[in-house]
């Protein structure tokens, strides 16, 4: 990966607060912000649970509709 592309990704991660970085000479050190990463992980888990519930509801509805077609 080219350095400008890499630095663009680093800046995005810094803007979101997921990492912080410091530069000493030519060396840039990045540190993960664990609290922010944990918050993102919780958000993803909530989204996963929401969509799993929606898919279960859709599956149930499709099974009901399929059963109604068979009764005719």
PDB file of N, CA and C in Angstrom:
ATOM      1  N   UNK A   1       0.853  -1.168   0.000  1.00  0.00           N
ATOM      2  CA  UNK A   1       0.000   0.000   0.000  1.00  0.00           C
ATOM      3  C   UNK A   1       0.899   1.231   0.000  1.00  0.00           C
ATOM      4  N   UNK A   2       0.542   2.198  -0.823  1.00  0.00           N
ATOM      5  CA  UNK A   2       1.317   3.434  -0.894  1.00  0.00           C
ATOM      6  C   UNK A   2       1.131   4.250   0.393  1.00  0.00           C
ATOM      7  N   UNK A   3       2.159   4.969   0.774  1.00  0.00           N
ATOM      8  CA  UNK A   3       2.126   5.746   2.012  1.00  0.00           C
ATOM      9  C   UNK A   3       0.968   6.748   2.053  1.00  0.00           C
ATOM     10  N   UNK A   4       0.691   7.517   0.982  1.00  0.00           N
ATOM     11  CA  UNK A   4      -0.436   8.458   1.053  1.00  0.00           C
ATOM     12  C   UNK A   4      -1.773   7.758   1.326  1.00  0.00           C
ATOM     13  N   UNK A   5      -1.989   6.602   0.721  1.00  0.00           N
ATOM     14  CA  UNK A   5      -3.230   5.843   0.963  1.00  0.00           C
ATOM     15  C   UNK A   5      -3.283   5.349   2.399  1.00  0.00           C
ATOM     16  N   UNK A   6      -2.165   4.870   2.899  1.00  0.00           N
ATOM     17  CA  UNK A   6      -2.091   4.394   4.273  1.00  0.00           C
ATOM     18  C   UNK A   6      -2.381   5.522   5.251  1.00  0.00           C
ATOM     19  N   UNK A   7      -1.783   6.684   5.022  1.00  0.00           N
ATOM     20  CA  UNK A   7      -1.977   7.824   5.923  1.00  0.00           C
ATOM     21  C   UNK A   7      -3.423   8.311   5.886  1.00  0.00           C
ATOM     22  N   UNK A   8      -4.062   8.201   4.740  1.00  0.00           N
ATOM     23  CA  UNK A   8      -5.483   8.578   4.657  1.00  0.00           C
ATOM     24  C   UNK A   8      -6.307   7.678   5.576  1.00  0.00           C
ATOM     25  N   UNK A   9      -6.013   6.387   5.572  1.00  0.00           N
ATOM     26  CA  UNK A   9      -6.717   5.447   6.444  1.00  0.00           C
ATOM     27  C   UNK A   9      -6.428   5.758   7.913  1.00  0.00           C
ATOM     28  N   UNK A  10      -5.189   6.070   8.229  1.00  0.00           N
ATOM     29  CA  UNK A  10      -4.819   6.406   9.603  1.00  0.00           C
ATOM     30  C   UNK A  10      -5.587   7.650  10.050  1.00  0.00           C
ATOM     31  N   UNK A  11      -5.678   8.658   9.191  1.00  0.00           N
ATOM     32  CA  UNK A  11      -6.410   9.882   9.550  1.00  0.00           C
ATOM     33  C   UNK A  11      -7.883   9.610   9.816  1.00  0.00           C
ATOM     34  N   UNK A  12      -8.481   8.740   9.000  1.00  0.00           N
ATOM     35  CA  UNK A  12      -9.897   8.394   9.220  1.00  0.00           C
ATOM     36  C   UNK A  12     -10.060   7.712  10.572  1.00  0.00           C
ATOM     37  N   UNK A  13      -9.186   6.776  10.891  1.00  0.00           N
ATOM     38  CA  UNK A  13      -9.251   6.090  12.188  1.00  0.00           C
ATOM     39  C   UNK A  13      -9.038   7.065  13.340  1.00  0.00           C
ATOM     40  N   UNK A  14      -8.150   8.040  13.155  1.00  0.00           N
ATOM     41  CA  UNK A  14      -7.931   9.046  14.193  1.00  0.00           C
ATOM     42  C   UNK A  14      -9.156   9.941  14.359  1.00  0.00           C
ATOM     43  N   UNK A  15      -9.777  10.333  13.246  1.00  0.00           N
ATOM     44  CA  UNK A  15     -10.958  11.201  13.322  1.00  0.00           C
ATOM     45  C   UNK A  15     -12.105  10.506  14.047  1.00  0.00           C
ATOM     46  N   UNK A  16     -12.214   9.199  13.914  1.00  0.00           N
ATOM     47  CA  UNK A  16     -13.276   8.464  14.592  1.00  0.00           C
ATOM     48  C   UNK A  16     -12.932   8.175  16.050  1.00  0.00           C
ATOM     49  N   UNK A  17     -11.676   8.400  16.418  1.00  0.00           N
ATOM     50  CA  UNK A  17     -11.255   8.164  17.792  1.00  0.00           C
ATOM     51  C   UNK A  17     -10.872   6.721  18.071  1.00  0.00           C
ATOM     52  N   UNK A  18     -10.800   5.884  17.039  1.00  0.00           N
ATOM     53  CA  UNK A  18     -10.438   4.478  17.251  1.00  0.00           C
ATOM     54  C   UNK A  18      -8.947   4.297  17.522  1.00  0.00           C
ATOM     55  N   UNK A  19      -8.140   5.220  17.012  1.00  0.00           N
ATOM     56  CA  UNK A  19      -6.704   5.178  17.284  1.00  0.00           C
ATOM     57  C   UNK A  19      -6.210   6.592  17.573  1.00  0.00           C
ATOM     58  N   UNK A  20      -5.017   6.669  18.137  1.00  0.00           N
ATOM     59  CA  UNK A  20      -4.292   7.930  18.214  1.00  0.00           C
ATOM     60  C   UNK A  20      -2.877   7.621  17.771  1.00  0.00           C
ATOM     61  N   UNK A  21      -2.252   8.580  17.163  1.00  0.00           N
ATOM     62  CA  UNK A  21      -0.892   8.328  16.689  1.00  0.00           C
ATOM     63  C   UNK A  21      -0.002   9.499  17.044  1.00  0.00           C
ATOM     64  N   UNK A  22       1.282   9.202  17.074  1.00  0.00           N
ATOM     65  CA  UNK A  22       2.296  10.226  17.307  1.00  0.00           C
ATOM     66  C   UNK A  22       3.462   9.937  16.371  1.00  0.00           C
ATOM     67  N   UNK A  23       4.168  10.990  16.034  1.00  0.00           N
ATOM     68  CA  UNK A  23       5.280  10.831  15.104  1.00  0.00           C
ATOM     69  C   UNK A  23       6.551  11.341  15.769  1.00  0.00           C
ATOM     70  N   UNK A  24       7.584  10.534  15.671  1.00  0.00           N
ATOM     71  CA  UNK A  24       8.897  10.917  16.180  1.00  0.00           C
ATOM     72  C   UNK A  24       9.889  10.688  15.049  1.00  0.00           C
ATOM     73  N   UNK A  25      10.301  11.768  14.432  1.00  0.00           N
ATOM     74  CA  UNK A  25      11.180  11.628  13.262  1.00  0.00           C
ATOM     75  C   UNK A  25      10.402  11.020  12.110  1.00  0.00           C
ATOM     76  N   UNK A  26      10.893   9.912  11.601  1.00  0.00           N
ATOM     77  CA  UNK A  26      10.213   9.242  10.490  1.00  0.00           C
ATOM     78  C   UNK A  26       9.314   8.112  10.964  1.00  0.00           C
ATOM     79  N   UNK A  27       9.225   7.925  12.274  1.00  0.00           N
ATOM     80  CA  UNK A  27       8.459   6.800  12.830  1.00  0.00           C
ATOM     81  C   UNK A  27       7.130   7.293  13.380  1.00  0.00           C
ATOM     82  N   UNK A  28       6.039   6.692  12.920  1.00  0.00           N
ATOM     83  CA  UNK A  28       4.698   7.004  13.422  1.00  0.00           C
ATOM     84  C   UNK A  28       4.234   5.803  14.241  1.00  0.00           C
ATOM     85  N   UNK A  29       3.809   6.060  15.466  1.00  0.00           N
ATOM     86  CA  UNK A  29       3.320   5.011  16.353  1.00  0.00           C
ATOM     87  C   UNK A  29       1.821   5.199  16.536  1.00  0.00           C
ATOM     88  N   UNK A  30       1.061   4.118  16.321  1.00  0.00           N
ATOM     89  CA  UNK A  30      -0.394   4.153  16.473  1.00  0.00           C
ATOM     90  C   UNK A  30      -0.794   3.299  17.666  1.00  0.00           C
ATOM     91  N   UNK A  31      -1.767   3.805  18.422  1.00  0.00           N
ATOM     92  CA  UNK A  31      -2.260   3.103  19.602  1.00  0.00           C
ATOM     93  C   UNK A  31      -3.774   2.969  19.477  1.00  0.00           C
ATOM     94  N   UNK A  32      -4.280   1.747  19.683  1.00  0.00           N
ATOM     95  CA  UNK A  32      -5.730   1.529  19.665  1.00  0.00           C
ATOM     96  C   UNK A  32      -6.359   2.140  20.907  1.00  0.00           C
ATOM     97  N   UNK A  33      -7.504   2.758  20.727  1.00  0.00           N
ATOM     98  CA  UNK A  33      -8.282   3.282  21.850  1.00  0.00           C
ATOM     99  C   UNK A  33      -9.307   2.212  22.215  1.00  0.00           C
ATOM    100  N   UNK A  34      -8.995   1.414  23.223  1.00  0.00           N
ATOM    101  CA  UNK A  34      -9.791   0.236  23.569  1.00  0.00           C
ATOM    102  C   UNK A  34     -11.251   0.573  23.872  1.00  0.00           C
ATOM    103  N   UNK A  35     -11.496   1.671  24.584  1.00  0.00           N
ATOM    104  CA  UNK A  35     -12.880   2.034  24.933  1.00  0.00           C
ATOM    105  C   UNK A  35     -13.718   2.286  23.685  1.00  0.00           C
ATOM    106  N   UNK A  36     -13.145   3.003  22.717  1.00  0.00           N
ATOM    107  CA  UNK A  36     -13.866   3.288  21.467  1.00  0.00           C
ATOM    108  C   UNK A  36     -14.087   2.002  20.674  1.00  0.00           C
ATOM    109  N   UNK A  37     -13.074   1.146  20.672  1.00  0.00           N
ATOM    110  CA  UNK A  37     -13.188  -0.125  19.965  1.00  0.00           C
ATOM    111  C   UNK A  37     -14.262  -0.999  20.610  1.00  0.00           C
ATOM    112  N   UNK A  38     -14.323  -1.005  21.940  1.00  0.00           N
ATOM    113  CA  UNK A  38     -15.359  -1.760  22.652  1.00  0.00           C
ATOM    114  C   UNK A  38     -16.751  -1.227  22.327  1.00  0.00           C
ATOM    115  N   UNK A  39     -16.875   0.105  22.246  1.00  0.00           N
ATOM    116  CA  UNK A  39     -18.165   0.714  21.910  1.00  0.00           C
ATOM    117  C   UNK A  39     -18.591   0.310  20.495  1.00  0.00           C
ATOM    118  N   UNK A  40     -17.657   0.302  19.565  1.00  0.00           N
ATOM    119  CA  UNK A  40     -17.968  -0.115  18.193  1.00  0.00           C
ATOM    120  C   UNK A  40     -18.371  -1.587  18.166  1.00  0.00           C
ATOM    121  N   UNK A  41     -17.691  -2.401  18.932  1.00  0.00           N
ATOM    122  CA  UNK A  41     -18.016  -3.828  19.003  1.00  0.00           C
ATOM    123  C   UNK A  41     -19.433  -4.043  19.551  1.00  0.00           C
ATOM    124  N   UNK A  42     -19.800  -3.273  20.583  1.00  0.00           N
ATOM    125  CA  UNK A  42     -21.163  -3.373  21.136  1.00  0.00           C
ATOM    126  C   UNK A  42     -22.197  -2.944  20.103  1.00  0.00           C
ATOM    127  N   UNK A  43     -21.897  -1.883  19.353  1.00  0.00           N
ATOM    128  CA  UNK A  43     -22.823  -1.416  18.319  1.00  0.00           C
ATOM    129  C   UNK A  43     -23.027  -2.500  17.258  1.00  0.00           C
ATOM    130  N   UNK A  44     -21.934  -3.116  16.810  1.00  0.00           N
ATOM    131  CA  UNK A  44     -22.044  -4.192  15.820  1.00  0.00           C
ATOM    132  C   UNK A  44     -22.846  -5.367  16.373  1.00  0.00           C
ATOM    133  N   UNK A  45     -22.648  -5.713  17.630  1.00  0.00           N
ATOM    134  CA  UNK A  45     -23.396  -6.812  18.247  1.00  0.00           C
ATOM    135  C   UNK A  45     -24.885  -6.476  18.288  1.00  0.00           C
ATOM    136  N   UNK A  46     -25.218  -5.234  18.640  1.00  0.00           N
ATOM    137  CA  UNK A  46     -26.625  -4.817  18.653  1.00  0.00           C
ATOM    138  C   UNK A  46     -27.230  -4.895  17.256  1.00  0.00           C
ATOM    139  N   UNK A  47     -26.487  -4.438  16.262  1.00  0.00           N
ATOM    140  CA  UNK A  47     -26.979  -4.490  14.880  1.00  0.00           C
ATOM    141  C   UNK A  47     -27.180  -5.938  14.426  1.00  0.00           C
ATOM    142  N   UNK A  48     -26.227  -6.792  14.787  1.00  0.00           N
ATOM    143  CA  UNK A  48     -26.328  -8.210  14.423  1.00  0.00           C
ATOM    144  C   UNK A  48     -27.577  -8.834  15.038  1.00  0.00           C
ATOM    145  N   UNK A  49     -27.852  -8.518  16.300  1.00  0.00           N
ATOM    146  CA  UNK A  49     -29.033  -9.059  16.979  1.00  0.00           C
ATOM    147  C   UNK A  49     -30.317  -8.521  16.346  1.00  0.00           C
ATOM    148  N   UNK A  50     -30.333  -7.243  16.022  1.00  0.00           N
ATOM    149  CA  UNK A  50     -31.513  -6.644  15.385  1.00  0.00           C
ATOM    150  C   UNK A  50     -31.815  -7.333  14.066  1.00  0.00           C
ATOM    151  N   UNK A  51     -30.806  -7.491  13.230  1.00  0.00           N
ATOM    152  CA  UNK A  51     -31.032  -8.101  11.917  1.00  0.00           C
ATOM    153  C   UNK A  51     -31.352  -9.590  12.028  1.00  0.00           C
ATOM    154  N   UNK A  52     -30.773 -10.279  12.986  1.00  0.00           N
ATOM    155  CA  UNK A  52     -31.110 -11.693  13.183  1.00  0.00           C
ATOM    156  C   UNK A  52     -32.582 -11.823  13.554  1.00  0.00           C
ATOM    157  N   UNK A  53     -33.073 -10.939  14.406  1.00  0.00           N
ATOM    158  CA  UNK A  53     -34.484 -10.943  14.793  1.00  0.00           C
ATOM    159  C   UNK A  53     -35.376 -10.660  13.586  1.00  0.00           C
ATOM    160  N   UNK A  54     -34.981  -9.706  12.776  1.00  0.00           N
ATOM    161  CA  UNK A  54     -35.767  -9.372  11.575  1.00  0.00           C
ATOM    162  C   UNK A  54     -35.822 -10.552  10.607  1.00  0.00           C
ATOM    163  N   UNK A  55     -34.694 -11.225  10.439  1.00  0.00           N
ATOM    164  CA  UNK A  55     -34.680 -12.394   9.549  1.00  0.00           C
ATOM    165  C   UNK A  55     -35.545 -13.530  10.107  1.00  0.00           C
ATOM    166  N   UNK A  56     -35.519 -13.723  11.417  1.00  0.00           N
ATOM    167  CA  UNK A  56     -36.390 -14.750  12.018  1.00  0.00           C
ATOM    168  C   UNK A  56     -37.856 -14.407  11.777  1.00  0.00           C
ATOM    169  N   UNK A  57     -38.210 -13.137  11.962  1.00  0.00           N
ATOM    170  CA  UNK A  57     -39.589 -12.708  11.717  1.00  0.00           C
ATOM    171  C   UNK A  57     -39.979 -12.925  10.265  1.00  0.00           C
ATOM    172  N   UNK A  58     -39.081 -12.617   9.350  1.00  0.00           N
ATOM    173  CA  UNK A  58     -39.355 -12.826   7.933  1.00  0.00           C
ATOM    174  C   UNK A  58     -39.513 -14.307   7.628  1.00  0.00           C
ATOM    175  N   UNK A  59     -38.641 -15.141   8.187  1.00  0.00           N
ATOM    176  CA  UNK A  59     -38.755 -16.590   7.991  1.00  0.00           C
ATOM    177  C   UNK A  59     -40.112 -17.100   8.488  1.00  0.00           C
ATOM    178  N   UNK A  60     -40.525 -16.616   9.664  1.00  0.00           N
ATOM    179  CA  UNK A  60     -41.818 -17.040  10.212  1.00  0.00           C
ATOM    180  C   UNK A  60     -42.970 -16.608   9.312  1.00  0.00           C
ATOM    181  N   UNK A  61     -42.915 -15.379   8.824  1.00  0.00           N
ATOM    182  CA  UNK A  61     -43.960 -14.885   7.930  1.00  0.00           C
ATOM    183  C   UNK A  61     -44.008 -15.708   6.651  1.00  0.00           C
ATOM    184  N   UNK A  62     -42.859 -16.006   6.081  1.00  0.00           N
ATOM    185  CA  UNK A  62     -42.823 -16.795   4.844  1.00  0.00           C
ATOM    186  C   UNK A  62     -43.358 -18.203   5.074  1.00  0.00           C
ATOM    187  N   UNK A  63     -43.052 -18.781   6.220  1.00  0.00           N
ATOM    188  CA  UNK A  63     -43.588 -20.108   6.542  1.00  0.00           C
ATOM    189  C   UNK A  63     -45.105 -20.054   6.675  1.00  0.00           C
ATOM    190  N   UNK A  64     -45.634 -19.003   7.319  1.00  0.00           N
ATOM    191  CA  UNK A  64     -47.089 -18.842   7.444  1.00  0.00           C
ATOM    192  C   UNK A  64     -47.738 -18.702   6.085  1.00  0.00           C
ATOM    193  N   UNK A  65     -47.157 -17.875   5.224  1.00  0.00           N
ATOM    194  CA  UNK A  65     -47.713 -17.664   3.884  1.00  0.00           C
ATOM    195  C   UNK A  65     -47.646 -18.951   3.067  1.00  0.00           C
ATOM    196  N   UNK A  66     -46.573 -19.675   3.217  1.00  0.00           N
ATOM    197  CA  UNK A  66     -46.410 -20.951   2.511  1.00  0.00           C
ATOM    198  C   UNK A  66     -47.493 -21.939   2.977  1.00  0.00           C
ATOM    199  N   UNK A  67     -47.765 -21.951   4.291  1.00  0.00           N
ATOM    200  CA  UNK A  67     -48.798 -22.823   4.846  1.00  0.00           C
ATOM    201  C   UNK A  67     -50.169 -22.435   4.344  1.00  0.00           C
ATOM    202  N   UNK A  68     -50.454 -21.132   4.201  1.00  0.00           N
ATOM    203  CA  UNK A  68     -51.753 -20.682   3.707  1.00  0.00           C
ATOM    204  C   UNK A  68     -51.951 -21.101   2.255  1.00  0.00           C
ATOM    205  N   UNK A  69     -50.913 -21.096   1.462  1.00  0.00           N
ATOM    206  CA  UNK A  69     -51.030 -21.524   0.068  1.00  0.00           C
ATOM    207  C   UNK A  69     -51.346 -23.006  -0.032  1.00  0.00           C
ATOM    208  N   UNK A  70     -50.821 -23.792   0.882  1.00  0.00           N
ATOM    209  CA  UNK A  70     -51.046 -25.236   0.875  1.00  0.00           C
ATOM    210  C   UNK A  70     -52.449 -25.603   1.328  1.00  0.00           C
ATOM    211  N   UNK A  71     -53.124 -24.732   2.073  1.00  0.00           N
ATOM    212  CA  UNK A  71     -54.454 -25.015   2.597  1.00  0.00           C
ATOM    213  C   UNK A  71     -55.542 -24.836   1.551  1.00  0.00           C
ATOM    214  N   UNK A  72     -55.267 -24.070   0.492  1.00  0.00           N
ATOM    215  CA  UNK A  72     -56.288 -23.758  -0.523  1.00  0.00           C
ATOM    216  C   UNK A  72     -56.742 -24.954  -1.278  1.00  0.00           C
TER     217      UNK A  72
END
